[in-house]
N, C-alpha and C. Protein backbone atom coordinates (compact mmCIF):
# COMPACT_ATOMS: atom_id res chain seq x y z
N MET A 1 133.85 114.08 99.98
CA MET A 1 133.13 115.24 100.48
C MET A 1 131.63 115.00 100.52
N TYR A 2 131.10 114.38 99.48
CA TYR A 2 129.67 114.14 99.41
C TYR A 2 129.38 112.67 99.68
N HIS A 3 128.42 112.42 100.57
CA HIS A 3 128.09 111.06 100.95
C HIS A 3 126.84 110.61 100.20
N GLN A 4 126.90 109.41 99.66
CA GLN A 4 125.75 108.83 98.97
C GLN A 4 125.12 107.78 99.87
N TYR A 5 123.92 108.08 100.37
CA TYR A 5 123.23 107.14 101.25
C TYR A 5 122.38 106.18 100.43
N ARG A 6 122.27 104.99 100.93
CA ARG A 6 121.36 104.04 100.29
C ARG A 6 119.93 104.50 100.55
N GLU A 7 119.09 104.43 99.52
CA GLU A 7 117.71 104.91 99.64
C GLU A 7 116.93 104.09 100.67
N GLY A 8 116.06 104.78 101.41
CA GLY A 8 115.18 104.10 102.34
C GLY A 8 115.52 104.37 103.79
N TYR A 9 114.78 105.26 104.42
CA TYR A 9 114.96 105.51 105.85
C TYR A 9 113.75 106.25 106.41
N LEU A 10 113.71 106.29 107.74
CA LEU A 10 112.59 106.92 108.45
C LEU A 10 113.09 108.14 109.20
N GLU A 11 112.38 109.25 109.06
CA GLU A 11 112.71 110.44 109.83
C GLU A 11 111.47 110.94 110.55
N VAL A 12 111.65 111.36 111.80
CA VAL A 12 110.54 111.78 112.65
C VAL A 12 110.74 113.21 113.10
N VAL A 13 109.70 114.02 112.96
CA VAL A 13 109.67 115.38 113.50
C VAL A 13 108.70 115.37 114.67
N SER A 14 109.17 115.71 115.87
CA SER A 14 108.32 115.62 117.05
C SER A 14 108.38 116.91 117.86
N GLY A 15 107.52 116.99 118.87
CA GLY A 15 107.48 118.14 119.74
C GLY A 15 106.07 118.39 120.24
N CYS A 16 105.89 119.48 120.97
CA CYS A 16 104.57 119.82 121.49
C CYS A 16 103.78 120.58 120.43
N MET A 17 102.54 120.94 120.76
CA MET A 17 101.75 121.74 119.84
C MET A 17 102.36 123.14 119.70
N PHE A 18 102.21 123.70 118.52
CA PHE A 18 102.70 125.04 118.18
C PHE A 18 104.22 125.12 118.13
N ALA A 19 104.87 123.97 117.99
CA ALA A 19 106.32 123.95 117.86
C ALA A 19 106.77 124.05 116.40
N GLY A 20 105.83 123.90 115.47
CA GLY A 20 106.17 124.00 114.05
C GLY A 20 106.42 122.68 113.37
N LYS A 21 105.84 121.58 113.89
CA LYS A 21 106.08 120.25 113.31
C LYS A 21 105.53 120.15 111.90
N THR A 22 104.27 120.55 111.71
CA THR A 22 103.66 120.48 110.38
C THR A 22 104.35 121.44 109.42
N GLU A 23 104.74 122.60 109.94
CA GLU A 23 105.46 123.59 109.13
C GLU A 23 106.77 122.99 108.62
N GLU A 24 107.48 122.27 109.48
CA GLU A 24 108.74 121.64 109.09
C GLU A 24 108.50 120.51 108.10
N LEU A 25 107.45 119.73 108.33
CA LEU A 25 107.13 118.65 107.39
C LEU A 25 106.81 119.22 106.01
N ILE A 26 106.02 120.28 105.97
CA ILE A 26 105.67 120.92 104.69
C ILE A 26 106.92 121.49 104.02
N ARG A 27 107.81 122.07 104.82
CA ARG A 27 109.05 122.60 104.25
C ARG A 27 109.85 121.50 103.54
N ARG A 28 109.94 120.34 104.19
CA ARG A 28 110.68 119.23 103.57
C ARG A 28 109.97 118.72 102.33
N ILE A 29 108.65 118.67 102.38
CA ILE A 29 107.87 118.24 101.21
C ILE A 29 108.13 119.19 100.04
N ASN A 30 108.12 120.49 100.32
CA ASN A 30 108.33 121.47 99.25
C ASN A 30 109.73 121.38 98.67
N VAL A 31 110.73 121.19 99.53
CA VAL A 31 112.11 121.05 99.04
C VAL A 31 112.22 119.85 98.11
N LEU A 32 111.62 118.73 98.49
CA LEU A 32 111.69 117.53 97.67
C LEU A 32 110.84 117.67 96.41
N SER A 33 109.78 118.45 96.48
CA SER A 33 108.97 118.71 95.29
C SER A 33 109.78 119.48 94.25
N TYR A 34 110.57 120.46 94.72
CA TYR A 34 111.43 121.20 93.79
C TYR A 34 112.46 120.29 93.14
N ALA A 35 112.82 119.22 93.86
CA ALA A 35 113.79 118.25 93.33
C ALA A 35 113.10 117.20 92.46
N LYS A 36 111.81 117.41 92.17
CA LYS A 36 111.03 116.53 91.29
C LYS A 36 110.83 115.13 91.86
N LYS A 37 110.84 115.00 93.18
CA LYS A 37 110.57 113.72 93.80
C LYS A 37 109.07 113.43 93.77
N ASN A 38 108.74 112.15 93.61
CA ASN A 38 107.34 111.73 93.61
C ASN A 38 106.92 111.51 95.06
N ILE A 39 106.06 112.40 95.56
CA ILE A 39 105.72 112.42 96.98
C ILE A 39 104.22 112.18 97.16
N ILE A 40 103.89 111.43 98.21
CA ILE A 40 102.49 111.27 98.58
C ILE A 40 102.36 111.55 100.08
N VAL A 41 101.31 112.30 100.44
CA VAL A 41 101.16 112.81 101.80
C VAL A 41 99.86 112.29 102.42
N PHE A 42 99.94 111.90 103.68
CA PHE A 42 98.78 111.35 104.38
C PHE A 42 98.57 112.05 105.72
N LYS A 43 97.34 111.96 106.22
CA LYS A 43 97.04 112.34 107.59
C LYS A 43 95.84 111.53 108.06
N PRO A 44 95.65 111.39 109.37
CA PRO A 44 94.48 110.66 109.89
C PRO A 44 93.21 111.48 109.66
N ILE A 45 92.15 110.80 109.32
CA ILE A 45 90.90 111.49 108.99
C ILE A 45 90.34 112.26 110.17
N ILE A 46 90.75 111.90 111.38
CA ILE A 46 90.26 112.58 112.58
C ILE A 46 90.72 114.04 112.62
N ASP A 47 91.82 114.35 111.94
CA ASP A 47 92.34 115.72 111.96
C ASP A 47 91.71 116.54 110.84
N ASN A 48 90.56 117.12 111.13
CA ASN A 48 89.86 117.94 110.14
C ASN A 48 89.74 119.39 110.59
N ARG A 49 90.69 119.85 111.39
CA ARG A 49 90.61 121.19 111.98
C ARG A 49 90.60 122.29 110.93
N TYR A 50 91.49 122.21 109.97
CA TYR A 50 91.61 123.26 108.96
C TYR A 50 91.12 122.82 107.58
N SER A 51 91.30 121.54 107.26
CA SER A 51 90.93 121.04 105.95
C SER A 51 90.88 119.51 105.99
N GLU A 52 90.02 118.94 105.15
CA GLU A 52 89.96 117.49 105.04
C GLU A 52 90.86 116.96 103.94
N GLU A 53 91.34 117.85 103.07
CA GLU A 53 92.12 117.44 101.91
C GLU A 53 93.54 117.99 101.92
N GLU A 54 93.93 118.63 102.99
CA GLU A 54 95.28 119.19 103.09
C GLU A 54 95.82 119.01 104.50
N ILE A 55 97.14 118.96 104.61
CA ILE A 55 97.75 119.17 105.92
C ILE A 55 98.02 120.67 106.00
N VAL A 56 97.69 121.26 107.13
CA VAL A 56 97.76 122.72 107.27
C VAL A 56 98.46 123.05 108.59
N SER A 57 99.46 123.89 108.52
CA SER A 57 100.13 124.31 109.74
C SER A 57 99.33 125.42 110.41
N HIS A 58 99.63 125.67 111.69
CA HIS A 58 98.95 126.75 112.41
C HIS A 58 99.28 128.11 111.79
N ALA A 59 100.41 128.18 111.07
CA ALA A 59 100.80 129.43 110.42
C ALA A 59 100.16 129.61 109.06
N GLY A 60 99.48 128.55 108.57
CA GLY A 60 98.76 128.68 107.31
C GLY A 60 99.37 127.98 106.12
N ALA A 61 100.57 127.41 106.25
CA ALA A 61 101.15 126.64 105.15
C ALA A 61 100.31 125.38 104.92
N HIS A 62 100.19 124.96 103.66
CA HIS A 62 99.33 123.81 103.39
C HIS A 62 99.82 123.03 102.18
N VAL A 63 99.52 121.74 102.20
CA VAL A 63 99.90 120.82 101.12
C VAL A 63 98.78 119.80 100.97
N LYS A 64 98.48 119.44 99.75
CA LYS A 64 97.45 118.43 99.48
C LYS A 64 97.81 117.09 100.11
N CYS A 65 96.80 116.38 100.61
CA CYS A 65 97.06 115.09 101.23
C CYS A 65 95.88 114.16 101.03
N ILE A 66 96.07 112.93 101.47
CA ILE A 66 95.02 111.92 101.49
C ILE A 66 94.70 111.62 102.95
N SER A 67 93.44 111.73 103.32
CA SER A 67 93.02 111.41 104.69
C SER A 67 92.59 109.95 104.77
N VAL A 68 93.12 109.23 105.75
CA VAL A 68 92.78 107.82 105.91
C VAL A 68 92.38 107.55 107.36
N THR A 69 91.58 106.52 107.53
CA THR A 69 91.10 106.15 108.87
C THR A 69 92.09 105.23 109.58
N TYR A 70 92.58 104.23 108.85
CA TYR A 70 93.48 103.24 109.43
C TYR A 70 94.82 103.27 108.72
N ALA A 71 95.87 102.93 109.45
CA ALA A 71 97.22 102.99 108.91
C ALA A 71 97.39 102.12 107.67
N ASN A 72 96.78 100.93 107.67
CA ASN A 72 97.01 100.02 106.54
C ASN A 72 96.41 100.52 105.23
N GLU A 73 95.55 101.53 105.29
CA GLU A 73 95.01 102.12 104.07
C GLU A 73 96.10 102.82 103.25
N ILE A 74 97.15 103.23 103.92
CA ILE A 74 98.25 103.92 103.24
C ILE A 74 98.83 103.06 102.13
N LEU A 75 98.94 101.76 102.39
CA LEU A 75 99.55 100.85 101.41
C LEU A 75 98.77 100.79 100.11
N ASN A 76 97.48 101.10 100.14
CA ASN A 76 96.66 101.07 98.93
C ASN A 76 97.07 102.15 97.93
N TYR A 77 97.80 103.15 98.39
CA TYR A 77 98.15 104.28 97.53
C TYR A 77 99.62 104.27 97.10
N ILE A 78 100.37 103.30 97.58
CA ILE A 78 101.81 103.27 97.29
C ILE A 78 102.09 102.45 96.04
N SER A 79 102.71 103.10 95.08
CA SER A 79 103.12 102.41 93.85
C SER A 79 104.65 102.42 93.77
N GLU A 80 105.17 101.73 92.80
CA GLU A 80 106.63 101.58 92.68
C GLU A 80 107.32 102.92 92.47
N ASP A 81 106.64 103.86 91.78
CA ASP A 81 107.29 105.12 91.46
C ASP A 81 107.23 106.15 92.59
N VAL A 82 106.50 105.86 93.67
CA VAL A 82 106.47 106.77 94.82
C VAL A 82 107.81 106.71 95.53
N GLU A 83 108.44 107.87 95.71
CA GLU A 83 109.75 107.93 96.33
C GLU A 83 109.71 108.39 97.78
N VAL A 84 108.74 109.23 98.12
CA VAL A 84 108.67 109.82 99.46
C VAL A 84 107.25 109.70 100.00
N ILE A 85 107.13 109.23 101.24
CA ILE A 85 105.84 109.16 101.92
C ILE A 85 105.92 110.06 103.14
N ALA A 86 104.98 111.01 103.26
CA ALA A 86 104.94 111.92 104.40
C ALA A 86 103.63 111.70 105.15
N VAL A 87 103.71 111.68 106.47
CA VAL A 87 102.53 111.47 107.32
C VAL A 87 102.51 112.52 108.42
N ASP A 88 101.42 113.27 108.50
CA ASP A 88 101.29 114.26 109.56
C ASP A 88 100.38 113.72 110.66
N GLU A 89 100.52 114.27 111.87
CA GLU A 89 99.72 113.85 113.03
C GLU A 89 99.76 112.33 113.22
N VAL A 90 100.94 111.77 113.09
CA VAL A 90 101.10 110.32 113.09
C VAL A 90 100.71 109.70 114.42
N GLN A 91 100.70 110.48 115.50
CA GLN A 91 100.38 109.93 116.82
C GLN A 91 98.94 109.40 116.90
N PHE A 92 98.07 109.85 115.99
CA PHE A 92 96.68 109.42 116.02
C PHE A 92 96.44 108.05 115.37
N PHE A 93 97.45 107.53 114.69
CA PHE A 93 97.28 106.25 114.00
C PHE A 93 97.44 105.06 114.95
N ASP A 94 96.90 103.93 114.52
CA ASP A 94 97.02 102.70 115.29
C ASP A 94 98.44 102.15 115.20
N GLU A 95 98.73 101.14 115.98
CA GLU A 95 100.10 100.61 116.10
C GLU A 95 100.67 100.08 114.79
N GLU A 96 99.81 99.74 113.85
CA GLU A 96 100.28 99.19 112.58
C GLU A 96 101.10 100.20 111.78
N ILE A 97 100.96 101.49 112.10
CA ILE A 97 101.72 102.51 111.37
C ILE A 97 103.22 102.30 111.55
N VAL A 98 103.64 101.73 112.67
CA VAL A 98 105.06 101.50 112.92
C VAL A 98 105.61 100.49 111.92
N ASP A 99 104.93 99.36 111.79
CA ASP A 99 105.37 98.33 110.85
C ASP A 99 105.29 98.82 109.41
N ILE A 100 104.30 99.64 109.11
CA ILE A 100 104.15 100.17 107.75
C ILE A 100 105.31 101.11 107.43
N CYS A 101 105.67 101.96 108.35
CA CYS A 101 106.82 102.86 108.13
C CYS A 101 108.10 102.06 107.93
N GLU A 102 108.30 101.04 108.74
CA GLU A 102 109.47 100.18 108.61
C GLU A 102 109.48 99.47 107.25
N TYR A 103 108.33 98.95 106.86
CA TYR A 103 108.20 98.23 105.59
C TYR A 103 108.54 99.13 104.41
N LEU A 104 107.99 100.35 104.42
CA LEU A 104 108.22 101.28 103.31
C LEU A 104 109.68 101.73 103.27
N ALA A 105 110.28 101.96 104.43
CA ALA A 105 111.70 102.34 104.46
C ALA A 105 112.57 101.19 103.95
N ASP A 106 112.22 99.97 104.34
CA ASP A 106 112.96 98.80 103.86
C ASP A 106 112.85 98.65 102.34
N MET A 107 111.75 99.12 101.78
CA MET A 107 111.54 99.07 100.32
C MET A 107 112.35 100.13 99.58
N GLY A 108 113.01 101.02 100.34
CA GLY A 108 113.80 102.06 99.70
C GLY A 108 113.09 103.40 99.62
N LYS A 109 111.97 103.53 100.34
CA LYS A 109 111.23 104.79 100.34
C LYS A 109 111.75 105.70 101.45
N ARG A 110 111.68 106.99 101.21
CA ARG A 110 111.96 107.96 102.28
C ARG A 110 110.65 108.23 103.00
N VAL A 111 110.60 107.92 104.28
CA VAL A 111 109.38 108.06 105.07
C VAL A 111 109.59 109.19 106.08
N MET A 112 108.73 110.20 105.99
CA MET A 112 108.82 111.36 106.89
C MET A 112 107.51 111.46 107.67
N VAL A 113 107.59 111.45 109.00
CA VAL A 113 106.38 111.56 109.81
C VAL A 113 106.55 112.68 110.84
N ALA A 114 105.42 113.29 111.20
CA ALA A 114 105.44 114.35 112.21
C ALA A 114 104.33 114.09 113.21
N GLY A 115 104.60 114.35 114.49
CA GLY A 115 103.56 114.12 115.48
C GLY A 115 103.96 114.58 116.87
N LEU A 116 102.98 114.62 117.73
CA LEU A 116 103.18 114.98 119.13
C LEU A 116 103.89 113.85 119.86
N ASP A 117 104.98 114.14 120.55
CA ASP A 117 105.66 113.09 121.29
C ASP A 117 105.03 112.86 122.66
N LYS A 118 104.28 113.87 123.17
CA LYS A 118 103.62 113.72 124.47
C LYS A 118 102.15 114.10 124.34
N ASP A 119 101.30 113.45 125.14
CA ASP A 119 99.89 113.83 125.19
C ASP A 119 99.71 114.99 126.18
N PHE A 120 98.48 115.41 126.40
CA PHE A 120 98.24 116.58 127.26
C PHE A 120 98.65 116.33 128.71
N ARG A 121 98.79 115.05 129.09
CA ARG A 121 99.22 114.72 130.45
C ARG A 121 100.73 114.76 130.61
N GLY A 122 101.44 114.96 129.49
CA GLY A 122 102.90 114.97 129.53
C GLY A 122 103.51 113.59 129.41
N GLU A 123 102.71 112.62 128.98
CA GLU A 123 103.17 111.24 128.83
C GLU A 123 103.33 110.88 127.36
N ALA A 124 104.09 109.84 127.09
CA ALA A 124 104.35 109.41 125.72
C ALA A 124 103.05 109.18 124.97
N PHE A 125 102.98 109.67 123.74
CA PHE A 125 101.74 109.65 122.97
C PHE A 125 101.74 108.49 121.98
N GLY A 126 100.93 107.49 122.27
CA GLY A 126 100.67 106.41 121.32
C GLY A 126 101.90 105.75 120.75
N VAL A 127 102.01 105.78 119.40
CA VAL A 127 103.07 105.07 118.69
C VAL A 127 104.38 105.87 118.62
N MET A 128 104.38 107.09 119.11
CA MET A 128 105.55 107.94 118.94
C MET A 128 106.84 107.38 119.54
N PRO A 129 106.83 106.81 120.76
CA PRO A 129 108.08 106.27 121.28
C PRO A 129 108.71 105.23 120.36
N GLU A 130 107.88 104.36 119.81
CA GLU A 130 108.39 103.31 118.92
C GLU A 130 108.95 103.90 117.64
N LEU A 131 108.27 104.89 117.08
CA LEU A 131 108.75 105.52 115.86
C LEU A 131 110.06 106.26 116.11
N LEU A 132 110.15 106.94 117.24
CA LEU A 132 111.38 107.66 117.57
C LEU A 132 112.55 106.70 117.73
N THR A 133 112.28 105.54 118.28
CA THR A 133 113.33 104.54 118.48
C THR A 133 113.82 103.98 117.16
N ARG A 134 112.92 103.80 116.22
CA ARG A 134 113.28 103.13 114.96
C ARG A 134 113.81 104.09 113.89
N ALA A 135 113.62 105.38 114.08
CA ALA A 135 113.99 106.35 113.05
C ALA A 135 115.50 106.51 112.90
N GLU A 136 115.94 106.75 111.66
CA GLU A 136 117.33 107.11 111.41
C GLU A 136 117.60 108.56 111.81
N PHE A 137 116.61 109.41 111.62
CA PHE A 137 116.78 110.84 111.89
C PHE A 137 115.60 111.35 112.72
N VAL A 138 115.91 112.07 113.79
CA VAL A 138 114.88 112.62 114.68
C VAL A 138 115.12 114.11 114.85
N THR A 139 114.07 114.89 114.67
CA THR A 139 114.12 116.33 114.92
C THR A 139 113.10 116.66 115.99
N LYS A 140 113.56 117.15 117.14
CA LYS A 140 112.64 117.53 118.21
C LYS A 140 112.57 119.05 118.28
N LEU A 141 111.36 119.58 118.08
CA LEU A 141 111.15 121.02 118.07
C LEU A 141 110.51 121.47 119.38
N THR A 142 110.78 122.70 119.75
CA THR A 142 110.16 123.29 120.94
C THR A 142 109.39 124.54 120.54
N ALA A 143 108.40 124.89 121.37
CA ALA A 143 107.66 126.14 121.19
C ALA A 143 108.11 127.10 122.29
N VAL A 144 107.33 128.15 122.51
CA VAL A 144 107.61 129.11 123.57
C VAL A 144 106.49 129.02 124.60
N CYS A 145 106.85 128.82 125.85
CA CYS A 145 105.86 128.68 126.91
C CYS A 145 104.96 129.91 126.97
N ALA A 146 103.65 129.66 126.93
CA ALA A 146 102.69 130.76 126.95
C ALA A 146 102.64 131.47 128.29
N LYS A 147 103.22 130.86 129.32
CA LYS A 147 103.20 131.46 130.66
C LYS A 147 104.48 132.25 130.98
N CYS A 148 105.63 131.63 130.71
CA CYS A 148 106.88 132.26 131.17
C CYS A 148 107.89 132.54 130.06
N GLY A 149 107.64 132.05 128.85
CA GLY A 149 108.55 132.31 127.75
C GLY A 149 109.71 131.35 127.62
N ALA A 150 109.79 130.35 128.50
CA ALA A 150 110.86 129.35 128.42
C ALA A 150 110.57 128.39 127.26
N PRO A 151 111.55 127.58 126.86
CA PRO A 151 111.29 126.57 125.82
C PRO A 151 110.17 125.63 126.25
N ALA A 152 109.17 125.49 125.41
CA ALA A 152 108.01 124.66 125.73
C ALA A 152 108.16 123.28 125.10
N THR A 153 107.98 122.25 125.91
CA THR A 153 108.07 120.87 125.43
C THR A 153 106.79 120.09 125.71
N ARG A 154 105.81 120.76 126.30
CA ARG A 154 104.56 120.09 126.68
C ARG A 154 103.36 120.86 126.14
N THR A 155 102.26 120.14 126.00
CA THR A 155 101.03 120.74 125.49
C THR A 155 100.01 120.84 126.62
N GLN A 156 99.61 122.07 126.92
CA GLN A 156 98.63 122.31 127.97
C GLN A 156 97.22 122.27 127.39
N ARG A 157 96.39 121.37 127.89
CA ARG A 157 94.99 121.36 127.47
C ARG A 157 94.18 122.19 128.45
N LEU A 158 93.35 123.06 127.93
CA LEU A 158 92.51 123.94 128.74
C LEU A 158 91.05 123.71 128.40
N ILE A 159 90.24 123.49 129.42
CA ILE A 159 88.80 123.36 129.27
C ILE A 159 88.15 124.52 130.01
N ASN A 160 87.50 125.38 129.25
CA ASN A 160 86.92 126.61 129.84
C ASN A 160 87.97 127.41 130.61
N GLY A 161 89.18 127.42 130.06
CA GLY A 161 90.25 128.21 130.64
C GLY A 161 90.99 127.55 131.79
N LYS A 162 90.59 126.33 132.17
CA LYS A 162 91.22 125.64 133.28
C LYS A 162 91.91 124.36 132.80
N PRO A 163 92.97 123.94 133.49
CA PRO A 163 93.69 122.72 133.07
C PRO A 163 92.77 121.50 133.06
N ALA A 164 92.89 120.69 132.01
CA ALA A 164 92.12 119.45 131.93
C ALA A 164 92.58 118.50 133.03
N THR A 165 91.73 117.54 133.37
CA THR A 165 92.08 116.58 134.41
C THR A 165 92.78 115.38 133.82
N PHE A 166 93.52 114.69 134.65
CA PHE A 166 94.28 113.52 134.23
C PHE A 166 93.39 112.45 133.61
N HIS A 167 92.13 112.40 134.00
CA HIS A 167 91.23 111.34 133.57
C HIS A 167 90.42 111.70 132.32
N ASP A 168 90.65 112.87 131.76
CA ASP A 168 89.97 113.24 130.51
C ASP A 168 90.50 112.39 129.36
N PRO A 169 89.71 112.24 128.28
CA PRO A 169 90.16 111.45 127.12
C PRO A 169 91.46 111.98 126.55
N ILE A 170 92.32 111.08 126.11
CA ILE A 170 93.61 111.47 125.55
C ILE A 170 93.42 112.30 124.28
N VAL A 171 92.53 111.85 123.41
CA VAL A 171 92.36 112.51 122.11
C VAL A 171 91.25 113.54 122.17
N LEU A 172 91.60 114.78 121.90
CA LEU A 172 90.65 115.87 121.73
C LEU A 172 91.25 116.80 120.69
N VAL A 173 90.78 116.67 119.45
CA VAL A 173 91.34 117.45 118.36
C VAL A 173 90.95 118.91 118.52
N GLY A 174 91.93 119.79 118.51
CA GLY A 174 91.66 121.20 118.68
C GLY A 174 92.89 122.02 118.37
N ALA A 175 92.79 123.33 118.56
CA ALA A 175 93.91 124.23 118.31
C ALA A 175 94.01 125.22 119.46
N LYS A 176 94.08 126.51 119.16
CA LYS A 176 94.30 127.51 120.19
C LYS A 176 93.16 127.61 121.19
N GLU A 177 91.97 127.15 120.77
CA GLU A 177 90.84 127.23 121.69
C GLU A 177 90.95 126.22 122.84
N ASN A 178 91.77 125.18 122.67
CA ASN A 178 91.89 124.14 123.69
C ASN A 178 93.32 123.93 124.20
N TYR A 179 94.30 124.44 123.47
CA TYR A 179 95.68 124.09 123.81
C TYR A 179 96.61 125.30 123.76
N GLU A 180 97.69 125.20 124.55
CA GLU A 180 98.78 126.16 124.44
C GLU A 180 100.07 125.49 124.87
N PRO A 181 101.20 125.97 124.37
CA PRO A 181 102.48 125.36 124.73
C PRO A 181 102.92 125.78 126.13
N ARG A 182 103.50 124.86 126.86
CA ARG A 182 103.99 125.15 128.20
C ARG A 182 105.35 124.48 128.41
N CYS A 183 106.13 125.05 129.29
CA CYS A 183 107.38 124.41 129.71
C CYS A 183 107.06 123.39 130.80
N ARG A 184 108.06 122.66 131.21
CA ARG A 184 107.90 121.64 132.26
C ARG A 184 107.27 122.22 133.52
N HIS A 185 107.71 123.40 133.91
CA HIS A 185 107.32 123.95 135.21
C HIS A 185 105.95 124.63 135.18
N CYS A 186 105.50 125.07 134.02
CA CYS A 186 104.19 125.73 133.91
C CYS A 186 103.09 124.78 133.47
N HIS A 187 103.46 123.58 133.04
CA HIS A 187 102.47 122.60 132.59
C HIS A 187 101.69 122.06 133.78
N MET A 188 100.37 122.01 133.65
CA MET A 188 99.51 121.58 134.76
C MET A 188 98.49 120.55 134.29
N VAL A 189 98.30 119.51 135.11
CA VAL A 189 97.28 118.49 134.87
C VAL A 189 96.53 118.27 136.17
N ALA A 190 95.27 118.61 136.18
CA ALA A 190 94.48 118.47 137.42
C ALA A 190 94.32 116.99 137.78
N ASP A 191 94.39 116.68 139.05
CA ASP A 191 94.17 115.32 139.59
C ASP A 191 95.21 114.31 139.11
N LYS A 192 96.38 114.78 138.71
CA LYS A 192 97.42 113.85 138.27
C LYS A 192 97.98 113.11 139.47
N PRO A 193 98.05 111.77 139.40
CA PRO A 193 98.58 111.00 140.54
C PRO A 193 100.03 111.37 140.85
N ILE A 194 100.34 111.45 142.12
CA ILE A 194 101.70 111.76 142.56
C ILE A 194 102.42 110.44 142.83
N LYS A 195 103.47 110.15 142.06
CA LYS A 195 104.18 108.89 142.21
C LYS A 195 105.21 108.94 143.33
N TYR A 196 105.80 110.12 143.52
CA TYR A 196 106.84 110.25 144.53
C TYR A 196 106.57 111.49 145.37
N ASN A 197 106.94 111.43 146.61
CA ASN A 197 106.84 112.59 147.50
C ASN A 197 108.18 112.71 148.23
N LEU A 198 109.19 113.10 147.46
CA LEU A 198 110.56 113.11 147.96
C LEU A 198 110.84 114.38 148.75
N LYS A 199 111.30 114.22 149.95
CA LYS A 199 111.71 115.34 150.77
C LYS A 199 113.22 115.32 150.87
N LEU A 200 113.84 116.30 150.25
CA LEU A 200 115.31 116.34 150.23
C LEU A 200 115.86 116.71 151.60
N LYS A 201 116.96 116.05 151.95
CA LYS A 201 117.60 116.34 153.23
C LYS A 201 118.38 117.65 153.12
N LYS A 202 118.40 118.41 154.20
CA LYS A 202 119.14 119.64 154.23
C LYS A 202 120.63 119.35 154.32
N SER A 203 121.39 120.17 153.61
CA SER A 203 122.84 119.99 153.65
C SER A 203 123.39 120.46 154.99
N ASN A 204 124.45 119.78 155.46
CA ASN A 204 125.08 120.15 156.72
C ASN A 204 126.08 121.29 156.56
N THR A 205 126.37 121.63 155.31
CA THR A 205 127.36 122.70 155.07
C THR A 205 126.67 124.04 154.96
């Protein structure tokens, strides 16, 4: 009835902004804290929207963390007795975070990361595709489209109330003042290149 898994695996929580990724990561951290697990939490130093010493969800949940600039700094804080490593906003880290997550999971650590799977253009965000591929467990969350109420899977960037252009910088740390959740059909990117211009043939029936 009960399965005993060998220790050590990677789990990824992904989705657009306002989907509850950080909230879910904090929930898992709290559950494991109640189980007396030794947990250490990290985030990239670039994410200082709400706090420099905590990961904070848009709903206000928060947990103490260590802010680091580069992925390899994480290894400086890992000791033998650490059982769980959690990383928020993982999409902002350099490519080395992938190998570090793999290394820690191979060591028998439970590695939990959360991050945006797509950038504001609707394209794969940084290291996320690789992490999603390597993870044992993946949770993809959706928000509610701010325009039509459909399930939102994309993050709309707004500059002065208008959609950002395709050529704007990928990284712009912000919250409700710059972003809102959108579905596929309501998501807009100004000046986005058109790859296909398919004209469907009319049916004869």
